[in-house]
Amino acid sequence: MIKHRADSIQKLNDEQAAEAKKDKTIAEQADTIELLKGCIMELADVVYGDGGEVTA
C-alpha cells in the first residue's frame, strides 16, 4: 500500500480547490458574456430596426 505524506495530500486538495474556483469564475464570465451579447443585439434592433431596412 502506498502512503502519502499529509502535506502532499493537502497541496493536491488546495490545487483542486483552486482549479474548481477558476472553473466557476470562467462559467460566470461566460454567462455574463452571453447576457451582454443579448443586450447588444437588442440595442442593435432598436437602433437599426428589426427588418434590416434602412430608415434614415
PDB file of N, CA and C in Angstrom:
ATOM      1  N   MET A   1       0.844  -1.185   0.000  1.00  0.00           N
ATOM      2  CA  MET A   1       0.000   0.000   0.000  1.00  0.00           C
ATOM      3  C   MET A   1       0.891   1.251   0.000  1.00  0.00           C
ATOM      4  N   ILE A   2       0.497   2.212  -0.772  1.00  0.00           N
ATOM      5  CA  ILE A   2       1.257   3.461  -0.866  1.00  0.00           C
ATOM      6  C   ILE A   2       0.724   4.437   0.174  1.00  0.00           C
ATOM      7  N   LYS A   3       1.636   5.016   0.921  1.00  0.00           N
ATOM      8  CA  LYS A   3       1.239   6.024   1.904  1.00  0.00           C
ATOM      9  C   LYS A   3       1.721   7.382   1.411  1.00  0.00           C
ATOM     10  N   HIS A   4       0.849   8.354   1.511  1.00  0.00           N
ATOM     11  CA  HIS A   4       1.177   9.710   1.071  1.00  0.00           C
ATOM     12  C   HIS A   4       1.400  10.593   2.291  1.00  0.00           C
ATOM     13  N   ARG A   5       2.277  11.528   2.121  1.00  0.00           N
ATOM     14  CA  ARG A   5       2.514  12.486   3.196  1.00  0.00           C
ATOM     15  C   ARG A   5       1.335  13.438   3.275  1.00  0.00           C
ATOM     16  N   ALA A   6       1.040  13.856   4.478  1.00  0.00           N
ATOM     17  CA  ALA A   6      -0.115  14.733   4.700  1.00  0.00           C
ATOM     18  C   ALA A   6       0.025  16.047   3.942  1.00  0.00           C
ATOM     19  N   ASP A   7       1.251  16.592   3.868  1.00  0.00           N
ATOM     20  CA  ASP A   7       1.425  17.870   3.178  1.00  0.00           C
ATOM     21  C   ASP A   7       1.221  17.727   1.670  1.00  0.00           C
ATOM     22  N   SER A   8       1.567  16.579   1.098  1.00  0.00           N
ATOM     23  CA  SER A   8       1.338  16.402  -0.339  1.00  0.00           C
ATOM     24  C   SER A   8      -0.148  16.247  -0.638  1.00  0.00           C
ATOM     25  N   ILE A   9      -0.881  15.604   0.258  1.00  0.00           N
ATOM     26  CA  ILE A   9      -2.335  15.477   0.085  1.00  0.00           C
ATOM     27  C   ILE A   9      -2.989  16.848   0.206  1.00  0.00           C
ATOM     28  N   GLN A  10      -2.549  17.645   1.183  1.00  0.00           N
ATOM     29  CA  GLN A  10      -3.103  18.993   1.356  1.00  0.00           C
ATOM     30  C   GLN A  10      -2.812  19.855   0.133  1.00  0.00           C
ATOM     31  N   LYS A  11      -1.606  19.731  -0.412  1.00  0.00           N
ATOM     32  CA  LYS A  11      -1.250  20.506  -1.604  1.00  0.00           C
ATOM     33  C   LYS A  11      -2.155  20.122  -2.770  1.00  0.00           C
ATOM     34  N   LEU A  12      -2.399  18.825  -2.947  1.00  0.00           N
ATOM     35  CA  LEU A  12      -3.281  18.364  -4.016  1.00  0.00           C
ATOM     36  C   LEU A  12      -4.698  18.886  -3.821  1.00  0.00           C
ATOM     37  N   ASN A  13      -5.193  18.850  -2.588  1.00  0.00           N
ATOM     38  CA  ASN A  13      -6.532  19.367  -2.298  1.00  0.00           C
ATOM     39  C   ASN A  13      -6.619  20.862  -2.582  1.00  0.00           C
ATOM     40  N   ASP A  14      -5.577  21.596  -2.216  1.00  0.00           N
ATOM     41  CA  ASP A  14      -5.550  23.039  -2.481  1.00  0.00           C
ATOM     42  C   ASP A  14      -5.556  23.322  -3.982  1.00  0.00           C
ATOM     43  N   GLU A  15      -4.784  22.534  -4.732  1.00  0.00           N
ATOM     44  CA  GLU A  15      -4.743  22.725  -6.186  1.00  0.00           C
ATOM     45  C   GLU A  15      -6.101  22.423  -6.813  1.00  0.00           C
ATOM     46  N   GLN A  16      -6.758  21.374  -6.338  1.00  0.00           N
ATOM     47  CA  GLN A  16      -8.077  21.029  -6.876  1.00  0.00           C
ATOM     48  C   GLN A  16      -9.100  22.105  -6.533  1.00  0.00           C
ATOM     49  N   ALA A  17      -9.025  22.669  -5.333  1.00  0.00           N
ATOM     50  CA  ALA A  17      -9.939  23.738  -4.938  1.00  0.00           C
ATOM     51  C   ALA A  17      -9.708  24.985  -5.788  1.00  0.00           C
ATOM     52  N   ALA A  18      -8.448  25.310  -6.053  1.00  0.00           N
ATOM     53  CA  ALA A  18      -8.137  26.473  -6.885  1.00  0.00           C
ATOM     54  C   ALA A  18      -8.643  26.265  -8.308  1.00  0.00           C
ATOM     55  N   GLU A  19      -8.495  25.058  -8.828  1.00  0.00           N
ATOM     56  CA  GLU A  19      -8.972  24.748 -10.178  1.00  0.00           C
ATOM     57  C   GLU A  19     -10.498  24.854 -10.253  1.00  0.00           C
ATOM     58  N   ALA A  20     -11.185  24.367  -9.232  1.00  0.00           N
ATOM     59  CA  ALA A  20     -12.647  24.444  -9.198  1.00  0.00           C
ATOM     60  C   ALA A  20     -13.109  25.901  -9.136  1.00  0.00           C
ATOM     61  N   LYS A  21     -12.401  26.717  -8.362  1.00  0.00           N
ATOM     62  CA  LYS A  21     -12.755  28.138  -8.265  1.00  0.00           C
ATOM     63  C   LYS A  21     -12.550  28.829  -9.607  1.00  0.00           C
ATOM     64  N   LYS A  22     -11.458  28.487 -10.289  1.00  0.00           N
ATOM     65  CA  LYS A  22     -11.181  29.081 -11.598  1.00  0.00           C
ATOM     66  C   LYS A  22     -12.254  28.668 -12.606  1.00  0.00           C
ATOM     67  N   ASP A  23     -12.647  27.395 -12.582  1.00  0.00           N
ATOM     68  CA  ASP A  23     -13.696  26.924 -13.489  1.00  0.00           C
ATOM     69  C   ASP A  23     -15.013  27.641 -13.234  1.00  0.00           C
ATOM     70  N   LYS A  24     -15.335  27.877 -11.960  1.00  0.00           N
ATOM     71  CA  LYS A  24     -16.570  28.584 -11.611  1.00  0.00           C
ATOM     72  C   LYS A  24     -16.526  30.020 -12.140  1.00  0.00           C
ATOM     73  N   THR A  25     -15.376  30.670 -11.989  1.00  0.00           N
ATOM     74  CA  THR A  25     -15.218  32.042 -12.475  1.00  0.00           C
ATOM     75  C   THR A  25     -15.383  32.102 -13.989  1.00  0.00           C
ATOM     76  N   ILE A  26     -14.802  31.146 -14.697  1.00  0.00           N
ATOM     77  CA  ILE A  26     -14.919  31.108 -16.156  1.00  0.00           C
ATOM     78  C   ILE A  26     -16.372  30.913 -16.569  1.00  0.00           C
ATOM     79  N   ALA A  27     -17.092  30.045 -15.872  1.00  0.00           N
ATOM     80  CA  ALA A  27     -18.503  29.809 -16.186  1.00  0.00           C
ATOM     81  C   ALA A  27     -19.326  31.073 -15.942  1.00  0.00           C
ATOM     82  N   GLU A  28     -19.041  31.778 -14.855  1.00  0.00           N
ATOM     83  CA  GLU A  28     -19.757  33.024 -14.571  1.00  0.00           C
ATOM     84  C   GLU A  28     -19.466  34.067 -15.650  1.00  0.00           C
ATOM     85  N   GLN A  29     -18.223  34.153 -16.095  1.00  0.00           N
ATOM     86  CA  GLN A  29     -17.871  35.111 -17.139  1.00  0.00           C
ATOM     87  C   GLN A  29     -18.561  34.761 -18.451  1.00  0.00           C
ATOM     88  N   ALA A  30     -18.679  33.477 -18.754  1.00  0.00           N
ATOM     89  CA  ALA A  30     -19.362  33.059 -19.979  1.00  0.00           C
ATOM     90  C   ALA A  30     -20.831  33.460 -19.925  1.00  0.00           C
ATOM     91  N   ASP A  31     -21.464  33.315 -18.761  1.00  0.00           N
ATOM     92  CA  ASP A  31     -22.859  33.729 -18.610  1.00  0.00           C
ATOM     93  C   ASP A  31     -22.999  35.234 -18.814  1.00  0.00           C
ATOM     94  N   THR A  32     -22.067  35.997 -18.267  1.00  0.00           N
ATOM     95  CA  THR A  32     -22.102  37.452 -18.417  1.00  0.00           C
ATOM     96  C   THR A  32     -21.915  37.850 -19.876  1.00  0.00           C
ATOM     97  N   ILE A  33     -21.013  37.187 -20.572  1.00  0.00           N
ATOM     98  CA  ILE A  33     -20.778  37.480 -21.987  1.00  0.00           C
ATOM     99  C   ILE A  33     -22.036  37.209 -22.804  1.00  0.00           C
ATOM    100  N   GLU A  34     -22.710  36.095 -22.538  1.00  0.00           N
ATOM    101  CA  GLU A  34     -23.945  35.776 -23.264  1.00  0.00           C
ATOM    102  C   GLU A  34     -25.012  36.827 -22.996  1.00  0.00           C
ATOM    103  N   LEU A  35     -25.123  37.282 -21.756  1.00  0.00           N
ATOM    104  CA  LEU A  35     -26.085  38.321 -21.410  1.00  0.00           C
ATOM    105  C   LEU A  35     -25.771  39.616 -22.147  1.00  0.00           C
ATOM    106  N   LEU A  36     -24.503  40.000 -22.183  1.00  0.00           N
ATOM    107  CA  LEU A  36     -24.109  41.223 -22.875  1.00  0.00           C
ATOM    108  C   LEU A  36     -24.351  41.122 -24.378  1.00  0.00           C
ATOM    109  N   LYS A  37     -24.094  39.950 -24.962  1.00  0.00           N
ATOM    110  CA  LYS A  37     -24.358  39.773 -26.392  1.00  0.00           C
ATOM    111  C   LYS A  37     -25.840  39.958 -26.682  1.00  0.00           C
ATOM    112  N   GLY A  38     -26.692  39.440 -25.807  1.00  0.00           N
ATOM    113  CA  GLY A  38     -28.130  39.621 -25.979  1.00  0.00           C
ATOM    114  C   GLY A  38     -28.523  41.084 -25.896  1.00  0.00           C
ATOM    115  N   CYS A  39     -27.936  41.806 -24.950  1.00  0.00           N
ATOM    116  CA  CYS A  39     -28.228  43.234 -24.804  1.00  0.00           C
ATOM    117  C   CYS A  39     -27.785  44.010 -26.038  1.00  0.00           C
ATOM    118  N   ILE A  40     -26.627  43.674 -26.570  1.00  0.00           N
ATOM    119  CA  ILE A  40     -26.120  44.352 -27.762  1.00  0.00           C
ATOM    120  C   ILE A  40     -27.032  44.085 -28.951  1.00  0.00           C
ATOM    121  N   MET A  41     -27.496  42.853 -29.089  1.00  0.00           N
ATOM    122  CA  MET A  41     -28.394  42.523 -30.201  1.00  0.00           C
ATOM    123  C   MET A  41     -29.712  43.281 -30.073  1.00  0.00           C
ATOM    124  N   GLU A  42     -30.243  43.379 -28.854  1.00  0.00           N
ATOM    125  CA  GLU A  42     -31.478  44.137 -28.640  1.00  0.00           C
ATOM    126  C   GLU A  42     -31.267  45.613 -28.969  1.00  0.00           C
ATOM    127  N   LEU A  43     -30.147  46.168 -28.560  1.00  0.00           N
ATOM    128  CA  LEU A  43     -29.844  47.567 -28.850  1.00  0.00           C
ATOM    129  C   LEU A  43     -29.695  47.782 -30.350  1.00  0.00           C
ATOM    130  N   ALA A  44     -29.050  46.849 -31.029  1.00  0.00           N
ATOM    131  CA  ALA A  44     -28.901  46.958 -32.479  1.00  0.00           C
ATOM    132  C   ALA A  44     -30.262  46.923 -33.163  1.00  0.00           C
ATOM    133  N   ASP A  45     -31.181  46.102 -32.659  1.00  0.00           N
ATOM    134  CA  ASP A  45     -32.530  46.066 -33.222  1.00  0.00           C
ATOM    135  C   ASP A  45     -33.229  47.408 -33.050  1.00  0.00           C
ATOM    136  N   VAL A  46     -33.035  48.042 -31.898  1.00  0.00           N
ATOM    137  CA  VAL A  46     -33.662  49.339 -31.653  1.00  0.00           C
ATOM    138  C   VAL A  46     -33.051  50.399 -32.562  1.00  0.00           C
ATOM    139  N   VAL A  47     -31.733  50.403 -32.688  1.00  0.00           N
ATOM    140  CA  VAL A  47     -31.052  51.435 -33.462  1.00  0.00           C
ATOM    141  C   VAL A  47     -31.264  51.246 -34.958  1.00  0.00           C
ATOM    142  N   TYR A  48     -31.115  50.010 -35.435  1.00  0.00           N
ATOM    143  CA  TYR A  48     -31.144  49.759 -36.872  1.00  0.00           C
ATOM    144  C   TYR A  48     -32.455  49.168 -37.364  1.00  0.00           C
ATOM    145  N   GLY A  49     -33.327  48.787 -36.476  1.00  0.00           N
ATOM    146  CA  GLY A  49     -34.597  48.197 -36.881  1.00  0.00           C
ATOM    147  C   GLY A  49     -34.488  46.687 -37.011  1.00  0.00           C
ATOM    148  N   ASP A  50     -35.635  46.015 -36.895  1.00  0.00           N
ATOM    149  CA  ASP A  50     -35.654  44.552 -36.927  1.00  0.00           C
ATOM    150  C   ASP A  50     -35.506  43.993 -38.330  1.00  0.00           C
ATOM    151  N   GLY A  51     -36.078  44.654 -39.332  1.00  0.00           N
ATOM    152  CA  GLY A  51     -36.128  44.082 -40.669  1.00  0.00           C
ATOM    153  C   GLY A  51     -34.891  44.297 -41.502  1.00  0.00           C
ATOM    154  N   GLY A  52     -33.934  45.021 -41.013  1.00  0.00           N
ATOM    155  CA  GLY A  52     -32.732  45.275 -41.776  1.00  0.00           C
ATOM    156  C   GLY A  52     -32.909  46.382 -42.803  1.00  0.00           C
ATOM    157  N   GLU A  53     -34.051  47.030 -42.792  1.00  0.00           N
ATOM    158  CA  GLU A  53     -34.286  48.100 -43.760  1.00  0.00           C
ATOM    159  C   GLU A  53     -33.654  49.397 -43.256  1.00  0.00           C
ATOM    160  N   VAL A  54     -33.234  50.220 -44.177  1.00  0.00           N
ATOM    161  CA  VAL A  54     -32.594  51.484 -43.825  1.00  0.00           C
ATOM    162  C   VAL A  54     -33.679  52.521 -43.566  1.00  0.00           C
ATOM    163  N   THR A  55     -33.656  53.113 -42.372  1.00  0.00           N
ATOM    164  CA  THR A  55     -34.646  54.135 -42.013  1.00  0.00           C
ATOM    165  C   THR A  55     -33.904  55.392 -41.596  1.00  0.00           C
ATOM    166  N   ALA A  56     -33.308  56.053 -42.579  1.00  0.00           N
ATOM    167  CA  ALA A  56     -32.513  57.230 -42.271  1.00  0.00           C
ATOM    168  C   ALA A  56     -33.308  58.472 -42.362  1.00  0.00           C
TER     169      ALA A  56
END
